[in-house]
Structures are given as C-alpha cells and as structure tokens.
N, C-alpha and C. Protein backbone atom coordinates (compact mmCIF):
# COMPACT_ATOMS: atom_id res chain seq x y z
N MET A 1 55.41 22.72 -25.06
CA MET A 1 54.09 23.37 -25.71
C MET A 1 54.02 21.81 -26.63
N VAL A 2 52.79 21.43 -26.79
CA VAL A 2 52.64 20.11 -27.64
C VAL A 2 52.31 20.76 -29.05
N LEU A 3 52.37 20.86 -30.04
CA LEU A 3 52.48 21.51 -31.54
C LEU A 3 52.44 20.28 -32.36
N ALA A 4 51.45 19.99 -33.05
CA ALA A 4 51.16 19.39 -34.13
C ALA A 4 51.06 19.97 -35.40
N THR A 5 51.90 19.93 -37.06
CA THR A 5 51.81 20.66 -37.74
C THR A 5 51.26 20.14 -39.07
N GLN A 6 50.94 20.81 -39.87
CA GLN A 6 50.61 20.08 -41.41
C GLN A 6 49.58 19.43 -41.54
N ILE A 7 48.66 18.89 -40.60
CA ILE A 7 47.57 17.92 -40.40
C ILE A 7 46.27 18.72 -41.78
N PRO A 8 46.73 17.30 -42.51
CA PRO A 8 45.49 18.23 -43.90
C PRO A 8 44.22 17.69 -43.73
N PHE A 9 43.18 18.75 -44.05
CA PHE A 9 42.00 18.19 -43.93
C PHE A 9 40.96 18.86 -45.48
N THR A 10 40.19 18.35 -45.41
CA THR A 10 39.25 18.86 -45.98
C THR A 10 37.74 18.86 -46.33
N SER A 11 36.98 20.36 -46.11
CA SER A 11 35.72 20.06 -46.06
C SER A 11 34.70 20.94 -46.87
N ILE A 12 33.63 21.25 -46.61
CA ILE A 12 32.62 22.00 -47.56
C ILE A 12 32.27 22.49 -47.12
N CYS A 13 32.00 24.06 -48.29
CA CYS A 13 32.04 25.07 -47.59
C CYS A 13 30.27 25.19 -47.72
N GLU A 14 30.24 25.90 -46.55
CA GLU A 14 28.40 25.37 -46.33
C GLU A 14 27.74 26.85 -46.92
N HIS A 15 28.75 27.84 -47.29
CA HIS A 15 28.41 29.24 -48.01
C HIS A 15 27.81 28.72 -49.42
N HIS A 16 28.97 28.55 -50.13
CA HIS A 16 29.37 28.28 -51.44
C HIS A 16 28.57 26.94 -51.84
N MET A 17 28.93 25.56 -51.03
CA MET A 17 28.68 24.29 -50.73
C MET A 17 29.74 23.89 -51.95
N LEU A 18 30.60 23.95 -51.98
CA LEU A 18 32.53 23.94 -52.99
C LEU A 18 33.35 23.64 -51.70
N PRO A 19 34.10 22.95 -52.36
CA PRO A 19 35.52 22.32 -50.89
C PRO A 19 36.20 23.25 -50.63
N PHE A 20 37.04 23.50 -49.33
CA PHE A 20 38.25 23.91 -49.00
C PHE A 20 39.11 22.70 -48.75
N THR A 21 40.26 22.98 -48.83
CA THR A 21 41.46 22.20 -48.31
C THR A 21 42.59 22.79 -47.91
N GLY A 22 42.70 22.27 -46.58
CA GLY A 22 43.81 23.12 -46.55
C GLY A 22 44.98 22.06 -45.24
N VAL A 23 45.74 22.84 -44.19
CA VAL A 23 46.17 22.52 -43.11
C VAL A 23 45.94 22.78 -42.25
N ALA A 24 46.22 22.02 -40.91
CA ALA A 24 46.11 22.66 -39.58
C ALA A 24 47.23 22.51 -38.87
N TYR A 25 47.52 23.35 -38.02
CA TYR A 25 48.33 23.79 -36.87
C TYR A 25 47.54 23.81 -35.30
N LEU A 26 47.60 22.85 -34.90
CA LEU A 26 47.10 23.05 -33.11
C LEU A 26 48.25 22.61 -32.25
N GLY A 27 48.10 23.67 -31.48
CA GLY A 27 48.91 23.41 -30.37
C GLY A 27 48.49 23.41 -28.94
N TYR A 28 49.12 23.20 -27.65
CA TYR A 28 48.53 23.21 -26.11
C TYR A 28 49.48 23.08 -25.77
N LEU A 29 49.17 23.92 -24.54
CA LEU A 29 50.50 23.81 -23.17
C LEU A 29 49.64 22.89 -22.13
N PRO A 30 50.28 21.66 -22.00
CA PRO A 30 50.01 20.18 -21.73
C PRO A 30 49.28 20.64 -19.80
N GLY A 31 48.21 20.31 -19.46
CA GLY A 31 48.07 20.47 -18.24
C GLY A 31 48.37 18.99 -17.57
N ASP A 32 47.14 18.62 -17.01
CA ASP A 32 47.05 17.21 -16.44
C ASP A 32 47.10 16.02 -17.21
N ARG A 33 46.23 16.06 -18.38
CA ARG A 33 46.05 15.67 -19.67
C ARG A 33 46.58 15.60 -20.98
N ILE A 34 47.36 14.81 -21.72
CA ILE A 34 47.94 15.20 -22.79
C ILE A 34 46.58 14.12 -24.24
N LEU A 35 47.02 14.52 -25.32
CA LEU A 35 46.16 13.94 -26.01
C LEU A 35 47.29 13.19 -27.07
N GLY A 36 47.35 12.12 -27.62
CA GLY A 36 47.65 11.46 -28.72
C GLY A 36 47.98 12.17 -29.93
N LEU A 37 48.96 12.35 -30.82
CA LEU A 37 49.27 12.89 -31.82
C LEU A 37 48.09 13.01 -32.99
N SER A 38 48.06 11.54 -32.90
CA SER A 38 46.83 11.30 -34.18
C SER A 38 45.47 11.23 -33.84
N LYS A 39 45.63 11.62 -32.43
CA LYS A 39 43.75 12.13 -32.11
C LYS A 39 43.78 13.44 -32.29
N LEU A 40 44.84 14.13 -32.59
CA LEU A 40 44.40 15.50 -33.09
C LEU A 40 44.59 16.02 -34.41
N ALA A 41 44.63 14.76 -35.23
CA ALA A 41 44.09 14.90 -36.57
C ALA A 41 43.06 14.38 -36.93
N ARG A 42 42.53 13.10 -36.34
CA ARG A 42 40.87 12.91 -36.06
C ARG A 42 39.79 13.97 -35.60
N LEU A 43 40.63 14.46 -34.51
CA LEU A 43 39.86 16.04 -33.95
C LEU A 43 39.37 16.71 -35.35
N VAL A 44 40.35 17.35 -35.92
CA VAL A 44 40.33 17.96 -37.06
C VAL A 44 39.19 17.03 -37.97
N GLU A 45 39.33 16.09 -38.59
CA GLU A 45 38.79 15.59 -39.32
C GLU A 45 37.21 15.36 -39.13
N HIS A 46 37.40 14.99 -37.48
CA HIS A 46 35.54 15.04 -37.30
C HIS A 46 35.05 16.03 -37.47
N PHE A 47 35.35 17.39 -37.02
CA PHE A 47 34.57 18.83 -37.11
C PHE A 47 34.69 19.10 -38.58
N ALA A 48 35.95 19.11 -39.37
CA ALA A 48 35.92 19.22 -40.62
C ALA A 48 34.51 18.51 -41.69
N ALA A 49 34.31 17.34 -41.14
CA ALA A 49 33.33 16.57 -41.68
C ALA A 49 32.11 16.62 -42.31
N ALA A 50 31.38 17.77 -41.55
CA ALA A 50 30.03 18.58 -41.94
C ALA A 50 30.48 19.76 -42.52
N PRO A 51 29.70 20.20 -43.52
CA PRO A 51 29.72 21.28 -44.08
C PRO A 51 30.10 22.41 -43.34
N GLN A 52 30.52 23.51 -43.60
CA GLN A 52 31.44 24.14 -42.58
C GLN A 52 31.95 25.49 -42.84
N MET A 53 32.13 26.70 -42.16
CA MET A 53 32.94 27.67 -42.37
C MET A 53 33.85 27.72 -41.69
N GLN A 54 34.97 27.95 -42.38
CA GLN A 54 36.53 28.17 -41.95
C GLN A 54 36.77 28.64 -40.55
N GLU A 55 36.39 30.05 -40.11
CA GLU A 55 36.05 30.59 -39.13
C GLU A 55 35.61 29.65 -37.77
N ARG A 56 34.64 28.93 -38.33
CA ARG A 56 33.94 28.11 -36.86
C ARG A 56 34.29 26.99 -36.80
N LEU A 57 35.09 26.22 -38.01
CA LEU A 57 36.00 25.06 -37.62
C LEU A 57 37.08 25.74 -36.93
N THR A 58 37.68 26.79 -36.92
CA THR A 58 38.97 26.62 -36.04
C THR A 58 38.90 27.01 -34.82
N LYS A 59 37.34 27.69 -34.63
CA LYS A 59 36.90 28.12 -32.91
C LYS A 59 36.39 26.57 -32.44
N GLN A 60 35.72 25.71 -33.30
CA GLN A 60 34.77 24.55 -32.59
C GLN A 60 36.31 23.27 -32.35
N ILE A 61 37.23 23.17 -32.95
CA ILE A 61 38.59 22.69 -32.61
C ILE A 61 39.55 23.21 -31.26
N ALA A 62 39.54 24.43 -31.43
CA ALA A 62 40.30 25.32 -30.41
C ALA A 62 39.43 24.82 -28.93
N GLU A 63 38.17 25.07 -29.07
CA GLU A 63 36.97 25.07 -27.98
C GLU A 63 37.48 23.70 -27.21
N TRP A 64 37.02 22.53 -28.30
CA TRP A 64 37.23 21.20 -27.99
C TRP A 64 38.50 20.59 -26.76
N LEU A 65 39.47 21.42 -27.86
CA LEU A 65 40.99 21.25 -26.77
C LEU A 65 41.29 21.48 -25.43
N ASN A 66 40.63 22.98 -25.62
CA ASN A 66 40.39 23.90 -24.23
C ASN A 66 39.52 22.80 -23.24
N GLU A 67 38.10 22.46 -23.68
CA GLU A 67 37.07 21.99 -22.77
C GLU A 67 37.55 20.41 -22.11
N HIS A 68 38.25 19.56 -23.08
CA HIS A 68 38.50 18.47 -23.05
C HIS A 68 39.80 18.03 -22.10
N LEU A 69 40.88 19.17 -22.61
CA LEU A 69 42.31 18.68 -21.78
C LEU A 69 42.27 19.77 -21.03
N GLN A 70 41.69 21.03 -20.91
CA GLN A 70 42.31 21.65 -19.85
C GLN A 70 43.32 22.47 -19.29
N PRO A 71 43.89 23.18 -20.51
CA PRO A 71 45.83 22.90 -20.94
C PRO A 71 45.77 24.38 -20.20
N GLY A 72 47.19 24.76 -20.61
CA GLY A 72 47.25 26.47 -20.08
C GLY A 72 46.81 26.92 -21.25
N GLY A 73 46.64 26.57 -21.93
CA GLY A 73 46.85 27.69 -23.40
C GLY A 73 46.46 27.05 -24.70
N VAL A 74 45.58 27.07 -25.83
CA VAL A 74 45.57 26.48 -26.57
C VAL A 74 45.36 27.53 -28.16
N GLY A 75 46.28 26.96 -29.21
CA GLY A 75 46.34 27.85 -30.49
C GLY A 75 45.93 26.68 -31.42
N VAL A 76 45.18 27.57 -32.25
CA VAL A 76 44.70 26.53 -33.31
C VAL A 76 44.70 27.65 -34.82
N VAL A 77 45.74 27.38 -35.89
CA VAL A 77 45.76 27.76 -36.92
C VAL A 77 45.32 26.88 -38.01
N LEU A 78 44.38 27.22 -38.87
CA LEU A 78 44.16 26.41 -39.91
C LEU A 78 44.67 27.36 -41.85
N GLN A 79 44.71 27.09 -42.24
CA GLN A 79 45.02 27.64 -43.49
C GLN A 79 44.79 26.51 -44.72
N ALA A 80 43.91 27.52 -45.86
CA ALA A 80 43.06 26.61 -46.73
C ALA A 80 42.88 27.42 -47.90
N GLU A 81 42.56 26.80 -48.90
CA GLU A 81 42.43 26.91 -50.16
C GLU A 81 41.05 26.80 -50.20
N HIS A 82 40.19 28.06 -50.55
CA HIS A 82 38.57 27.76 -51.16
C HIS A 82 38.57 27.83 -52.70
N THR A 83 38.06 26.76 -53.04
CA THR A 83 37.45 26.39 -54.59
C THR A 83 36.60 27.87 -54.82
N CYS A 84 35.45 28.61 -53.88
CA CYS A 84 34.96 29.15 -54.15
C CYS A 84 35.74 30.45 -54.99
N MET A 85 36.93 30.56 -54.31
CA MET A 85 37.64 31.87 -54.84
C MET A 85 38.53 30.90 -56.03
N THR A 86 38.99 30.00 -56.09
CA THR A 86 39.80 29.38 -57.41
C THR A 86 38.88 29.00 -58.30
N LEU A 87 38.02 28.92 -58.10
CA LEU A 87 37.07 28.14 -59.49
C LEU A 87 35.76 28.88 -59.79
N ARG A 88 35.23 29.89 -59.41
CA ARG A 88 34.37 30.71 -60.13
C ARG A 88 34.73 32.20 -59.33
N GLY A 89 34.25 33.37 -59.91
CA GLY A 89 34.25 34.97 -59.06
C GLY A 89 35.20 35.10 -60.05
N VAL A 90 36.29 35.58 -58.72
CA VAL A 90 37.89 36.34 -59.13
C VAL A 90 38.47 35.40 -59.49
N GLN A 91 38.52 33.92 -59.21
CA GLN A 91 39.52 33.18 -59.98
C GLN A 91 40.91 33.46 -59.42
N ALA A 92 41.17 33.38 -58.24
CA ALA A 92 42.00 33.80 -57.30
C ALA A 92 43.14 32.89 -57.14
N HIS A 93 43.79 32.25 -58.32
CA HIS A 93 44.81 30.85 -57.43
C HIS A 93 45.32 31.10 -56.77
N ASP A 94 45.90 29.91 -55.75
CA ASP A 94 46.84 29.85 -54.81
C ASP A 94 46.62 30.95 -53.83
N ALA A 95 45.25 31.80 -53.42
CA ALA A 95 45.30 32.33 -52.77
C ALA A 95 44.66 31.21 -51.08
N ARG A 96 44.90 31.93 -50.22
CA ARG A 96 44.94 31.11 -48.82
C ARG A 96 43.70 31.78 -47.96
N MET A 97 43.00 31.37 -47.28
CA MET A 97 42.95 32.05 -46.16
C MET A 97 43.65 31.67 -44.86
N VAL A 98 43.99 32.14 -43.69
CA VAL A 98 44.05 31.87 -42.87
C VAL A 98 43.51 32.12 -41.51
N THR A 99 42.76 31.41 -40.55
CA THR A 99 42.09 31.71 -39.26
C THR A 99 42.94 31.42 -37.98
N SER A 100 43.22 31.78 -37.07
CA SER A 100 43.58 31.32 -35.97
C SER A 100 42.68 31.41 -34.75
N GLU A 101 43.11 30.95 -33.88
CA GLU A 101 41.85 31.11 -32.13
C GLU A 101 43.02 30.62 -31.34
N LEU A 102 42.83 31.72 -30.34
CA LEU A 102 43.93 31.64 -29.49
C LEU A 102 43.28 31.68 -28.15
N LEU A 103 43.30 30.80 -27.10
CA LEU A 103 42.93 30.52 -25.67
C LEU A 103 43.97 30.52 -24.56
N GLY A 104 43.47 30.84 -23.83
CA GLY A 104 44.54 31.04 -22.56
C GLY A 104 45.60 31.79 -22.42
N ALA A 105 46.67 31.16 -22.49
CA ALA A 105 48.00 31.55 -22.37
C ALA A 105 48.62 32.13 -23.40
N LEU A 106 48.05 31.39 -25.02
CA LEU A 106 48.67 31.86 -25.60
C LEU A 106 47.91 32.69 -26.54
N ARG A 107 47.07 33.32 -25.45
CA ARG A 107 46.25 34.58 -26.29
C ARG A 107 47.03 35.60 -25.40
N ASP A 108 47.19 35.11 -24.01
CA ASP A 108 47.61 36.51 -22.83
C ASP A 108 48.81 36.72 -23.18
N ASP A 109 49.95 35.97 -23.25
CA ASP A 109 51.34 35.89 -22.79
C ASP A 109 52.15 36.13 -24.37
N PRO A 110 52.44 37.41 -24.34
CA PRO A 110 53.01 37.51 -25.78
C PRO A 110 54.07 36.12 -26.12
N ALA A 111 54.74 36.25 -25.23
CA ALA A 111 55.98 35.37 -25.76
C ALA A 111 55.27 34.22 -25.88
N ALA A 112 54.52 33.39 -25.24
CA ALA A 112 53.74 32.12 -25.72
C ALA A 112 53.30 32.12 -27.06
N ARG A 113 52.35 33.42 -27.39
CA ARG A 113 51.96 33.33 -28.81
C ARG A 113 52.88 33.59 -29.47
N GLY A 114 53.96 34.55 -29.42
CA GLY A 114 55.16 34.30 -30.27
C GLY A 114 55.84 33.23 -30.37
N GLU A 115 55.91 32.17 -29.43
CA GLU A 115 56.49 31.03 -29.75
C GLU A 115 55.40 30.00 -30.77
N PHE A 116 54.64 30.25 -30.42
CA PHE A 116 53.35 29.42 -30.79
C PHE A 116 53.38 29.44 -33.00
N TYR A 117 53.30 30.85 -32.81
CA TYR A 117 53.20 31.24 -34.47
C TYR A 117 54.60 30.86 -35.19
N ALA A 118 55.70 31.03 -34.06
CA ALA A 118 56.72 31.16 -34.75
C ALA A 118 57.11 29.42 -34.99
N LEU A 119 56.71 28.77 -33.70
CA LEU A 119 56.80 27.10 -34.20
C LEU A 119 55.95 26.87 -35.17
N THR A 120 54.71 27.05 -35.68
CA THR A 120 53.81 26.79 -37.21
C THR A 120 54.53 27.29 -38.22
N GLY A 121 55.43 28.28 -38.29
CA GLY A 121 55.85 28.97 -39.17
C GLY A 121 55.03 28.96 -40.33
N VAL A 122 53.71 29.23 -39.86
CA VAL A 122 52.46 30.14 -41.01
C VAL A 122 53.18 31.31 -41.37
N ALA A 123 53.59 32.63 -41.01
CA ALA A 123 53.82 33.37 -41.22
C ALA A 123 54.78 33.30 -42.35
N ARG A 124 55.68 32.37 -42.50
CA ARG A 124 56.58 32.55 -43.40
C ARG A 124 56.03 31.44 -44.71
N THR A 125 55.34 31.10 -44.91
CA THR A 125 54.93 29.94 -45.76
C THR A 125 54.58 30.63 -47.02
N ARG A 126 53.84 32.44 -46.90
CA ARG A 126 54.04 32.90 -48.71
C ARG A 126 54.39 34.10 -48.39
N PRO A 127 54.74 34.91 -48.99
CA PRO A 127 54.70 36.37 -49.12
C PRO A 127 53.61 37.28 -49.17
N PHE A 128 53.62 37.98 -48.66
CA PHE A 128 52.13 38.80 -48.20
C PHE A 128 51.81 39.58 -49.94
N PRO A 129 50.67 39.23 -50.34
CA PRO A 129 50.58 40.18 -51.83
C PRO A 129 51.29 41.78 -51.79
N THR A 130 51.76 41.85 -52.75
CA THR A 130 52.10 43.56 -53.15
C THR A 130 51.19 44.14 -54.24
N THR A 131 51.38 45.45 -54.29
CA THR A 131 50.88 46.42 -55.17
C THR A 131 52.32 46.07 -56.27
N VAL A 132 51.71 47.16 -57.31
CA VAL A 132 51.91 47.12 -58.37
C VAL A 132 53.67 47.97 -58.00
N THR A 133 53.70 48.84 -56.98
CA THR A 133 54.81 49.28 -56.47
C THR A 133 55.88 48.50 -56.11
N GLY A 134 55.43 47.26 -55.84
CA GLY A 134 56.08 46.44 -54.69
C GLY A 134 56.50 46.41 -53.11
N LEU A 135 55.31 47.43 -53.24
CA LEU A 135 55.11 47.81 -51.54
C LEU A 135 53.56 47.11 -51.10
N PRO A 136 54.35 46.69 -49.80
CA PRO A 136 53.01 45.43 -49.69
C PRO A 136 51.93 46.27 -49.42
N ASP A 137 50.42 45.26 -49.89
CA ASP A 137 49.67 46.26 -50.18
C ASP A 137 48.95 47.21 -48.69
N ARG A 138 48.09 48.06 -48.42
CA ARG A 138 47.57 48.38 -46.96
C ARG A 138 46.85 46.98 -45.87
N HIS A 139 46.43 46.17 -46.62
CA HIS A 139 45.54 45.14 -45.77
C HIS A 139 46.85 44.23 -45.41
N HIS A 140 48.36 44.11 -45.85
CA HIS A 140 49.09 43.13 -45.10
C HIS A 140 50.39 43.39 -44.74
N ARG A 141 50.38 45.00 -44.53
CA ARG A 141 51.65 45.23 -43.64
C ARG A 141 52.06 44.90 -42.22
N GLY A 142 53.00 44.34 -42.32
CA GLY A 142 53.82 44.46 -40.95
C GLY A 142 53.58 43.29 -40.40
N ALA A 143 51.94 43.06 -40.73
CA ALA A 143 51.64 41.87 -39.03
C ALA A 143 51.63 40.45 -39.96
N LEU A 144 51.37 39.30 -39.10
CA LEU A 144 50.78 38.06 -39.38
C LEU A 144 49.74 37.86 -40.58
N GLY A 145 48.94 38.75 -40.36
CA GLY A 145 47.88 38.97 -41.55
C GLY A 145 46.76 38.15 -41.08
N LEU A 146 46.41 37.35 -39.61
CA LEU A 146 45.97 36.21 -39.03
C LEU A 146 44.65 36.83 -38.45
N VAL A 147 43.29 36.27 -38.58
CA VAL A 147 42.33 36.44 -38.59
C VAL A 147 41.65 35.59 -37.64
N ASP A 148 41.48 35.70 -36.47
CA ASP A 148 41.06 34.75 -35.59
C ASP A 148 39.66 34.69 -35.70
N SER A 149 39.09 33.26 -35.14
CA SER A 149 37.38 33.22 -35.28
C SER A 149 36.76 34.42 -34.40
N ALA A 150 36.99 35.14 -33.97
CA ALA A 150 36.44 36.36 -33.09
C ALA A 150 36.17 37.44 -33.93
N GLY A 151 36.73 37.10 -35.39
CA GLY A 151 36.56 38.38 -36.34
C GLY A 151 38.27 39.57 -36.08
N ILE A 152 38.93 39.25 -35.31
CA ILE A 152 39.64 40.29 -35.04
C ILE A 152 41.03 39.84 -35.79
N ALA A 153 41.51 40.75 -36.63
CA ALA A 153 42.63 41.30 -37.39
C ALA A 153 43.38 41.57 -36.54
N GLU A 154 44.38 40.73 -36.56
CA GLU A 154 45.78 40.79 -36.08
C GLU A 154 46.83 41.44 -37.41
N LEU A 155 46.02 42.73 -37.82
CA LEU A 155 46.86 43.74 -38.67
C LEU A 155 47.56 44.64 -38.63
N ALA A 156 48.88 45.01 -39.05
CA ALA A 156 49.30 46.58 -38.73
C ALA A 156 48.44 47.30 -39.35
N SER A 157 48.15 48.60 -39.26
CA SER A 157 47.66 49.27 -40.13
C SER A 157 48.28 50.48 -40.63
C-alpha cells in the first residue's frame, strides 16, 4: 500500500463561502502505475482550489486516482475544520469533519480497509465527544465515525 498522510489543504465552502482547512490521507494499492508523493499533494491542491464541499472533494480525489492509476484499491480520508462552524452559528471550536471514500479492495476487503484506516491513524487523532455522563454520545459510539462521500455513515448504532 502506498499512503501519504497529513497533506495540508485549504478550500472555500461553496455553501457558506467561508474557508475550511485540514489534512488529507491518500492511499492506494499499486497496479502497473504509481504516482510520486509530491503529485499526491498537487492532486489535493488542484481539487481544493475551487469553492468546494468536503464530501465532493473526497470523492473527486479518489475517483481521479482510481481512473488514472487503475490501482487495486483507493482510500481517501479528509479531516477538516470548517469556519462556518467555528466562527458563526454554534461556534464549535475544534470541531472537525471527517469524510472518506474507499474504492476497490480498500472498500471490499475488510483486512485491506482495516490496514488503511490503521495506517492513517485518523480514528486515534481525537477522542469522540461525550455526554455529561462521560459515556459516548449515541452518534459516536463504537466505530470510526467516518462518513464517506456517498453519505454512508460507518457508525455503530
């Protein structure tokens, strides 16, 4: 598996016209073609340059990698802070949105998917929010808490 982590990016939320900034984790199972690590960062930068939604940005990066490299699998995780949440409205400081898109073996093979998520370390970067009782909120129990760009939540009920 080829994995590049902590690729910084900034984009503008097309809904609120406010910036969101974060880091990208890009991984793929190489086929006949590979891509230099700096090209992975340029790919993120390219798609983040226009006003964007994080869910779409995640999907665009994954689909580009899949189409141009034809790997055995692709995994993309974006973790970002949206100023629409931190500067206005609820002012939820340090809140992060995490999106993922998995294609090929990284979506279909539980072992490959597990390896990808383990290597990204995204699930370990921040504890899940808790209620006043100290127990995890029902929306954050048990799983990674990731939402892929197709809108499928990987949350345990």
